[in-house]
N, C-alpha and C. Protein backbone atom coordinates (compact mmCIF):
# COMPACT_ATOMS: atom_id res chain seq x y z
N MET A 1 -5.71 1.15 -23.29
CA MET A 1 -4.91 0.21 -22.06
C MET A 1 -5.14 1.48 -20.47
N VAL A 2 -5.00 0.41 -19.62
CA VAL A 2 -5.59 1.10 -18.79
C VAL A 2 -4.26 2.12 -17.80
N GLY A 3 -3.23 1.34 -18.38
CA GLY A 3 -1.89 2.03 -17.56
C GLY A 3 -1.69 3.69 -18.04
N GLU A 4 -2.09 3.70 -19.69
CA GLU A 4 -2.50 5.09 -20.10
C GLU A 4 -3.55 5.90 -19.44
N GLU A 5 -4.23 5.30 -19.37
CA GLU A 5 -5.35 5.95 -18.59
C GLU A 5 -4.86 6.49 -17.01
N PHE A 6 -3.90 6.17 -16.52
CA PHE A 6 -3.62 6.64 -15.32
C PHE A 6 -1.77 6.81 -15.39
N PRO A 7 -1.31 7.92 -15.16
CA PRO A 7 -0.08 8.21 -15.31
C PRO A 7 0.88 8.12 -13.78
N PRO A 8 1.50 6.84 -14.59
CA PRO A 8 2.26 6.39 -13.07
C PRO A 8 2.58 6.98 -12.19
N ALA A 9 3.18 8.26 -12.59
CA ALA A 9 3.75 8.98 -11.30
C ALA A 9 2.65 10.16 -10.51
N GLU A 10 1.54 10.20 -11.55
CA GLU A 10 0.30 10.82 -11.01
C GLU A 10 -0.44 9.63 -9.99
N THR A 11 -0.31 8.33 -10.36
CA THR A 11 -1.48 7.13 -9.43
C THR A 11 -0.15 7.28 -7.88
N THR A 12 1.02 7.13 -8.10
CA THR A 12 1.67 7.05 -7.22
C THR A 12 1.57 7.97 -6.01
N ARG A 13 1.73 8.88 -7.10
CA ARG A 13 1.42 10.21 -6.07
C ARG A 13 -0.11 10.06 -5.03
N LEU A 14 -1.15 9.98 -5.66
CA LEU A 14 -2.31 9.96 -4.96
C LEU A 14 -2.30 8.32 -4.04
N VAL A 15 -1.70 7.39 -4.04
CA VAL A 15 -1.68 5.69 -3.99
C VAL A 15 -1.29 6.21 -2.57
N ALA A 16 0.20 7.37 -2.50
CA ALA A 16 0.50 7.15 -1.08
C ALA A 16 -0.54 8.11 -0.08
N GLU A 17 -0.74 8.98 -0.77
CA GLU A 17 -1.44 10.19 -0.23
C GLU A 17 -3.05 9.57 0.26
N LYS A 18 -3.31 8.62 -0.33
CA LYS A 18 -4.92 7.65 0.25
C LYS A 18 -4.49 6.98 1.64
N MET A 19 -3.02 6.37 1.60
CA MET A 19 -2.96 5.70 2.38
C MET A 19 -2.52 5.99 3.65
N LYS A 20 -2.51 7.11 3.81
CA LYS A 20 -1.74 8.16 4.68
C LYS A 20 -3.08 8.05 5.71
N GLY A 21 -2.65 7.42 6.99
CA GLY A 21 -3.76 7.43 8.28
C GLY A 21 -5.21 6.60 7.69
N GLN A 22 -4.72 5.80 6.72
CA GLN A 22 -5.39 4.37 6.98
C GLN A 22 -5.32 4.14 7.80
N THR A 23 -6.54 2.99 8.45
CA THR A 23 -6.59 2.16 9.98
C THR A 23 -7.21 0.46 9.53
N GLY A 24 -6.68 0.26 9.76
CA GLY A 24 -7.07 -1.29 9.75
C GLY A 24 -7.25 -2.26 11.46
N HIS A 25 -7.83 -3.42 11.45
CA HIS A 25 -7.16 -4.25 12.09
C HIS A 25 -6.74 -5.64 12.36
N SER A 26 -5.69 -6.12 12.68
CA SER A 26 -4.91 -7.69 13.17
C SER A 26 -5.50 -8.18 14.10
N PRO A 27 -5.85 -9.16 13.68
CA PRO A 27 -5.57 -10.20 15.19
C PRO A 27 -4.65 -10.59 15.59
N GLN A 28 -3.38 -10.61 14.79
CA GLN A 28 -2.07 -10.45 15.35
C GLN A 28 -1.65 -9.44 16.00
N ALA A 29 -1.59 -8.13 15.62
CA ALA A 29 -1.36 -6.96 16.28
C ALA A 29 -2.62 -6.10 16.55
N GLY A 30 -3.65 -6.20 16.32
CA GLY A 30 -4.84 -5.32 16.83
C GLY A 30 -4.74 -4.01 16.06
N ALA A 31 -4.57 -3.22 16.47
CA ALA A 31 -4.95 -1.55 15.24
C ALA A 31 -4.13 -1.59 14.69
N LEU A 32 -4.29 -1.25 13.89
CA LEU A 32 -3.43 -0.63 12.56
C LEU A 32 -3.37 0.77 11.98
N ARG A 33 -2.09 1.32 12.20
CA ARG A 33 -2.38 3.07 11.46
C ARG A 33 -1.14 3.08 10.55
N ILE A 34 -1.63 3.35 9.28
CA ILE A 34 -0.08 4.06 8.18
C ILE A 34 0.07 5.31 8.71
N VAL A 35 1.17 5.36 9.18
CA VAL A 35 1.64 6.90 9.69
C VAL A 35 2.29 7.30 8.80
N ASP A 36 2.92 6.95 7.93
CA ASP A 36 3.49 7.46 6.77
C ASP A 36 3.38 6.42 5.42
N ALA A 37 3.21 7.34 4.35
CA ALA A 37 3.78 6.79 3.35
C ALA A 37 4.12 6.98 1.95
N GLN A 38 5.20 6.29 1.47
CA GLN A 38 5.68 7.39 0.18
C GLN A 38 5.64 6.36 -1.22
N GLY A 39 5.92 6.84 -2.31
CA GLY A 39 5.91 6.41 -3.57
C GLY A 39 6.48 6.68 -4.42
N THR A 40 7.38 5.46 -5.25
CA THR A 40 7.85 5.70 -6.60
C THR A 40 7.69 5.57 -7.49
N GLY A 41 7.97 6.06 -8.53
CA GLY A 41 8.05 5.66 -9.61
C GLY A 41 7.57 6.31 -11.13
N THR A 42 8.27 6.39 -12.33
CA THR A 42 7.27 7.55 -13.29
C THR A 42 7.08 6.57 -14.07
N ARG A 43 7.04 5.05 -14.06
CA ARG A 43 6.66 4.62 -15.24
C ARG A 43 5.85 3.03 -14.53
N TRP A 44 5.42 2.09 -15.01
CA TRP A 44 4.39 1.15 -14.40
C TRP A 44 5.91 0.02 -14.30
N PRO A 45 6.30 -0.56 -13.59
CA PRO A 45 5.20 -0.64 -12.36
C PRO A 45 5.58 0.42 -11.51
N ILE A 46 4.47 0.56 -10.02
CA ILE A 46 5.09 1.68 -9.47
C ILE A 46 5.03 1.62 -8.25
N ARG A 47 6.21 1.52 -7.23
CA ARG A 47 6.25 1.16 -6.15
C ARG A 47 5.84 1.72 -5.13
N VAL A 48 5.24 1.12 -3.76
CA VAL A 48 4.69 2.16 -2.65
C VAL A 48 5.19 1.70 -1.26
N ARG A 49 5.73 2.40 -0.55
CA ARG A 49 5.84 2.03 0.68
C ARG A 49 5.16 3.14 1.94
N GLY A 50 4.93 1.89 3.18
CA GLY A 50 4.12 2.01 3.85
C GLY A 50 4.70 1.34 5.59
N THR A 51 4.32 3.19 6.27
CA THR A 51 5.07 2.54 7.61
C THR A 51 3.72 2.62 8.37
N VAL A 52 3.67 1.29 9.42
CA VAL A 52 2.22 0.61 9.80
C VAL A 52 2.89 0.88 11.69
N GLU A 53 1.81 1.77 12.36
CA GLU A 53 2.01 1.67 13.89
C GLU A 53 0.62 0.80 14.38
N SER A 54 1.33 -0.02 15.57
CA SER A 54 0.13 -0.97 16.44
C SER A 54 0.82 -0.14 17.67
N ASP A 55 -0.37 -0.45 18.84
CA ASP A 55 0.05 -0.44 20.36
C ASP A 55 1.06 -1.75 20.64
N GLN A 56 0.99 -2.45 19.37
CA GLN A 56 1.09 -3.48 20.39
C GLN A 56 3.18 -3.67 19.77
N TRP A 57 3.11 -2.90 19.25
CA TRP A 57 4.96 -3.06 18.87
C TRP A 57 5.80 -1.50 19.68
N GLN A 58 6.99 -2.21 19.69
CA GLN A 58 7.44 -1.09 20.34
C GLN A 58 8.39 -0.12 19.16
N SER A 59 8.36 -0.51 17.80
CA SER A 59 8.17 0.61 16.99
C SER A 59 7.76 0.46 15.82
N ALA A 60 7.49 1.14 14.37
CA ALA A 60 6.73 1.15 13.58
C ALA A 60 7.65 0.16 12.74
N ARG A 61 6.87 -0.17 11.71
CA ARG A 61 6.78 -1.58 10.74
C ARG A 61 6.83 -0.75 9.32
N THR A 62 7.81 -1.05 8.52
CA THR A 62 7.58 -0.68 7.00
C THR A 62 7.33 -2.24 6.24
N TRP A 63 6.45 -1.50 5.15
CA TRP A 63 6.20 -2.84 4.19
C TRP A 63 5.96 -1.99 2.75
N GLU A 64 6.59 -3.09 1.64
CA GLU A 64 6.36 -1.99 0.39
C GLU A 64 6.09 -3.13 -0.78
N THR A 65 5.27 -2.27 -1.69
CA THR A 65 4.54 -3.31 -2.39
C THR A 65 5.23 -2.61 -4.37
N GLU A 66 4.70 -3.39 -4.76
CA GLU A 66 4.27 -2.61 -6.63
C GLU A 66 3.15 -3.04 -6.80
N PHE A 67 3.05 -1.82 -7.52
CA PHE A 67 1.48 -2.25 -8.65
C PHE A 67 1.31 -2.07 -10.01
N VAL A 68 1.04 -2.45 -11.07
CA VAL A 68 0.76 -2.63 -12.21
C VAL A 68 0.03 -1.99 -13.12
N PRO A 69 -0.53 -1.93 -14.28
CA PRO A 69 -1.53 -1.30 -14.68
C PRO A 69 -2.66 -2.54 -14.26
N GLU A 70 -2.31 -3.48 -14.25
CA GLU A 70 -3.57 -4.34 -14.63
C GLU A 70 -4.21 -3.97 -13.10
N ASP A 71 -3.74 -3.65 -12.11
CA ASP A 71 -4.14 -4.01 -10.88
C ASP A 71 -4.95 -2.68 -10.63
N THR A 72 -5.28 -1.83 -11.76
CA THR A 72 -6.39 -0.84 -11.27
C THR A 72 -6.81 -1.28 -12.34
N LEU A 73 -8.64 -0.45 -12.25
CA LEU A 73 -9.87 -0.39 -12.86
C LEU A 73 -10.00 0.42 -13.59
N ALA A 74 -10.27 -0.22 -15.17
CA ALA A 74 -10.83 0.36 -16.01
C ALA A 74 -12.40 1.04 -15.71
N GLY A 75 -12.00 2.83 -16.67
CA GLY A 75 -13.87 3.17 -16.29
C GLY A 75 -13.51 3.50 -14.72
N GLU A 76 -13.04 3.30 -13.71
CA GLU A 76 -12.81 3.93 -12.32
C GLU A 76 -11.77 5.32 -12.59
N SER A 77 -12.24 6.37 -11.46
CA SER A 77 -11.31 7.15 -11.56
C SER A 77 -10.24 7.25 -11.13
N ALA A 78 -8.45 8.17 -11.10
CA ALA A 78 -7.75 8.18 -10.71
C ALA A 78 -7.98 8.49 -9.13
N GLU A 79 -8.89 8.66 -8.90
CA GLU A 79 -8.74 8.67 -6.65
C GLU A 79 -9.59 7.74 -6.69
N GLY A 80 -10.40 7.03 -7.20
CA GLY A 80 -10.97 5.60 -6.95
C GLY A 80 -10.19 5.06 -6.86
N ASN A 81 -9.38 4.69 -8.32
CA ASN A 81 -7.96 3.38 -7.95
C ASN A 81 -7.25 3.73 -7.30
N ALA A 82 -6.51 5.02 -6.95
CA ALA A 82 -5.89 4.72 -5.67
C ALA A 82 -6.19 4.53 -4.51
N SER A 83 -7.75 4.72 -3.97
CA SER A 83 -8.13 4.33 -2.97
C SER A 83 -7.85 2.84 -2.89
N ALA A 84 -8.47 2.53 -3.74
CA ALA A 84 -8.52 0.90 -4.28
C ALA A 84 -6.96 0.34 -3.97
N LEU A 85 -6.42 0.66 -4.42
CA LEU A 85 -4.94 0.61 -4.29
C LEU A 85 -3.80 0.64 -2.60
N ALA A 86 -4.60 1.70 -2.05
CA ALA A 86 -4.95 1.78 -0.97
C ALA A 86 -5.02 1.00 0.38
N ASP A 87 -5.86 0.69 -0.12
CA ASP A 87 -6.72 -0.72 0.90
C ASP A 87 -6.56 -2.10 0.78
N CYS A 88 -5.56 -2.20 -0.74
CA CYS A 88 -4.84 -3.12 -0.82
C CYS A 88 -3.29 -3.40 0.01
N PHE A 89 -3.26 -2.19 -0.55
CA PHE A 89 -1.85 -2.44 0.30
C PHE A 89 -1.82 -2.91 1.81
N LEU A 90 -3.17 -2.11 2.74
CA LEU A 90 -3.09 -2.83 3.95
C LEU A 90 -3.70 -3.87 4.58
N ILE A 91 -4.41 -4.68 3.07
CA ILE A 91 -4.81 -5.90 3.14
C ILE A 91 -3.82 -6.96 2.79
N LEU A 92 -2.80 -6.42 2.51
CA LEU A 92 -1.37 -7.74 2.14
C LEU A 92 -0.59 -6.74 2.87
N VAL A 93 -0.45 -6.50 3.92
CA VAL A 93 -0.43 -6.29 5.02
C VAL A 93 -1.02 -7.02 6.22
N ILE A 94 -2.04 -6.97 6.59
CA ILE A 94 -3.01 -7.83 7.71
C ILE A 94 -2.38 -8.98 7.19
N GLU A 95 -2.08 -9.78 5.77
CA GLU A 95 -2.18 -10.70 5.42
C GLU A 95 -0.70 -11.17 5.84
N ASP A 96 0.08 -10.69 5.91
CA ASP A 96 1.43 -10.69 5.83
C ASP A 96 1.47 -11.47 7.46
N LEU A 97 0.96 -10.39 8.36
CA LEU A 97 0.95 -10.79 9.78
C LEU A 97 0.37 -12.02 10.06
N ALA A 98 -1.32 -12.34 9.20
CA ALA A 98 -1.62 -13.34 9.80
C ALA A 98 -0.77 -14.63 9.56
N VAL A 99 -0.13 -14.51 8.48
CA VAL A 99 0.14 -15.75 7.52
C VAL A 99 1.84 -16.19 6.76
N GLY A 100 2.41 -14.71 7.21
CA GLY A 100 3.72 -14.96 6.77
C GLY A 100 4.10 -14.28 6.04
N PRO A 101 5.26 -14.59 5.50
CA PRO A 101 5.30 -13.86 3.77
C PRO A 101 4.58 -13.90 2.86
N VAL A 102 3.57 -12.82 2.44
CA VAL A 102 2.53 -13.30 1.20
C VAL A 102 3.18 -12.97 -0.15
N PRO A 103 3.41 -13.48 -1.19
CA PRO A 103 3.39 -12.81 -2.60
C PRO A 103 2.81 -11.43 -2.65
N GLY A 104 3.54 -10.13 -3.45
CA GLY A 104 3.07 -9.20 -3.69
C GLY A 104 3.47 -8.03 -2.72
N ILE A 105 4.32 -8.20 -1.50
CA ILE A 105 4.49 -7.43 -0.18
C ILE A 105 5.81 -7.93 0.52
N GLN A 106 5.99 -7.13 1.31
CA GLN A 106 7.72 -7.42 1.54
C GLN A 106 7.79 -6.25 2.71
N GLU A 107 7.60 -7.06 4.24
CA GLU A 107 8.52 -5.96 4.76
C GLU A 107 10.02 -5.90 5.01
N ILE A 108 9.95 -4.46 5.35
CA ILE A 108 11.48 -3.88 5.11
C ILE A 108 11.68 -3.59 6.35
N LEU A 109 13.03 -5.44 7.00
CA LEU A 109 13.98 -4.86 8.32
C LEU A 109 14.65 -4.35 8.50
N GLN A 110 14.43 -3.24 9.48
CA GLN A 110 15.11 -2.30 9.78
C GLN A 110 16.28 -2.49 10.78
N PRO A 111 17.38 -1.94 10.51
CA PRO A 111 18.63 -2.55 11.02
C PRO A 111 18.62 -2.37 12.63
């Protein structure tokens, strides 16, 4: 089972590390950069939260998502899976900005 290959606590830590500093581009928000990432989870599903900045926003915005063991790739290293999940997080943010709320990720609105 894939989830047994990748302990959730270690996977969570690796994903958060890989997310920090990641960059992307959104037609709606221009250049994006993940400036902070945190993960929680000692069992599957794991939860990651990333704070994203854009020059077009007055302040950073935060999104959160969950990953399940099926989101990992059997035969891939823990580092490789963490990179792929971090990429997935940024893709979900870009999709959310493009079309509005999308399944799998939620913007955390600041009061």
